[in-house]
Each structure stands twice: as C-alpha cells, then as structure tokens.
C-alpha cells in the first residue's frame, strides 16, 4: 500500500525562529496528531480527530 506524504506546509508555519501550529493537536492522542476543522451550518466549529474519533465543538 502506498502512503500519502505529509503536507507540513498545511500544518506548520515558520516565522523567523518560531514554528506555529496551524491545526489544533488532539488532547487525547497527544502531540503529532492533529484535529480536522469543520464549519457547521449554525456557525459553530467542530474539531474532529480521525485517530481516536474525539469531537469538540466551539461557538464562533
């Protein structure tokens, strides 16, 4: 099975000497596993981890 390459430019942003994470890390899985961001119809934001299936909601 062929694996996909990681798209680090979508996850990390380098500004000078600092590295900023653009995606939220999963609190259950730990660092290195990032949560997907989805916008719902009612204006809330849903964060979802595909590894442990944890879901968090945030009102915008």
Protein backbone atom coordinates (compact mmCIF):
# COMPACT_ATOMS: atom_id res chain seq x y z
CA UNK A 1 0.00 0.00 0.00
CA UNK A 2 1.36 3.38 -0.97
CA UNK A 3 1.28 6.02 1.78
CA UNK A 4 0.47 9.68 1.29
CA UNK A 5 3.19 12.21 2.02
CA UNK A 6 2.52 14.62 4.86
CA UNK A 7 1.71 18.19 3.86
CA UNK A 8 3.71 20.00 6.53
CA UNK A 9 3.02 23.42 4.95
CA UNK A 10 -0.69 22.96 5.83
CA UNK A 11 0.08 22.03 9.46
CA UNK A 12 3.06 24.23 10.42
CA UNK A 13 4.03 27.83 9.67
CA UNK A 14 7.58 29.08 10.18
CA UNK A 15 8.00 32.74 11.18
CA UNK A 16 11.62 33.64 11.76
CA UNK A 17 12.90 31.32 14.50
CA UNK A 18 9.44 30.23 15.69
CA UNK A 19 7.25 27.38 14.45
CA UNK A 20 3.49 27.93 14.81
CA UNK A 21 0.96 25.12 14.57
CA UNK A 22 -1.98 25.96 12.30
CA UNK A 23 -4.09 22.98 13.38
CA UNK A 24 -5.15 22.02 16.91
CA UNK A 25 -3.38 18.94 18.36
CA UNK A 26 -5.58 16.17 19.78
CA UNK A 27 -5.65 16.27 23.61
CA UNK A 28 -6.26 12.51 23.81
CA UNK A 29 -3.66 11.29 21.27
CA UNK A 30 -1.02 13.88 22.13
CA UNK A 31 1.39 15.90 20.04
CA UNK A 32 1.80 14.86 16.41
CA UNK A 33 -1.87 14.01 15.85
CA UNK A 34 -3.88 16.98 14.61
CA UNK A 35 -7.64 17.55 14.59
CA UNK A 36 -9.58 18.44 11.45
CA UNK A 37 -11.62 21.67 11.44
CA UNK A 38 -15.18 21.72 10.08
CA UNK A 39 -17.61 24.65 9.95
CA UNK A 40 -21.23 23.75 10.71
CA UNK A 41 -24.34 25.42 9.24
CA UNK A 42 -25.29 27.09 12.53
CA UNK A 43 -21.92 28.87 12.76
CA UNK A 44 -20.21 26.54 15.23
CA UNK A 45 -16.82 24.99 14.56
CA UNK A 46 -16.29 21.25 15.00
CA UNK A 47 -12.85 19.76 15.67
CA UNK A 48 -12.50 16.03 14.90
CA UNK A 49 -9.67 13.55 15.44
CA UNK A 50 -9.67 10.74 12.88
CA UNK A 51 -7.49 8.50 15.03
CA UNK A 52 -9.44 8.35 18.33
CA UNK A 53 -12.73 9.87 16.98
CA UNK A 54 -12.82 12.61 19.61
CA UNK A 55 -15.06 15.56 18.70
CA UNK A 56 -15.10 19.07 20.20
CA UNK A 57 -17.41 21.96 19.36
CA UNK A 58 -16.70 25.68 19.67
CA UNK A 59 -19.17 28.52 19.21
CA UNK A 60 -17.77 31.22 16.96
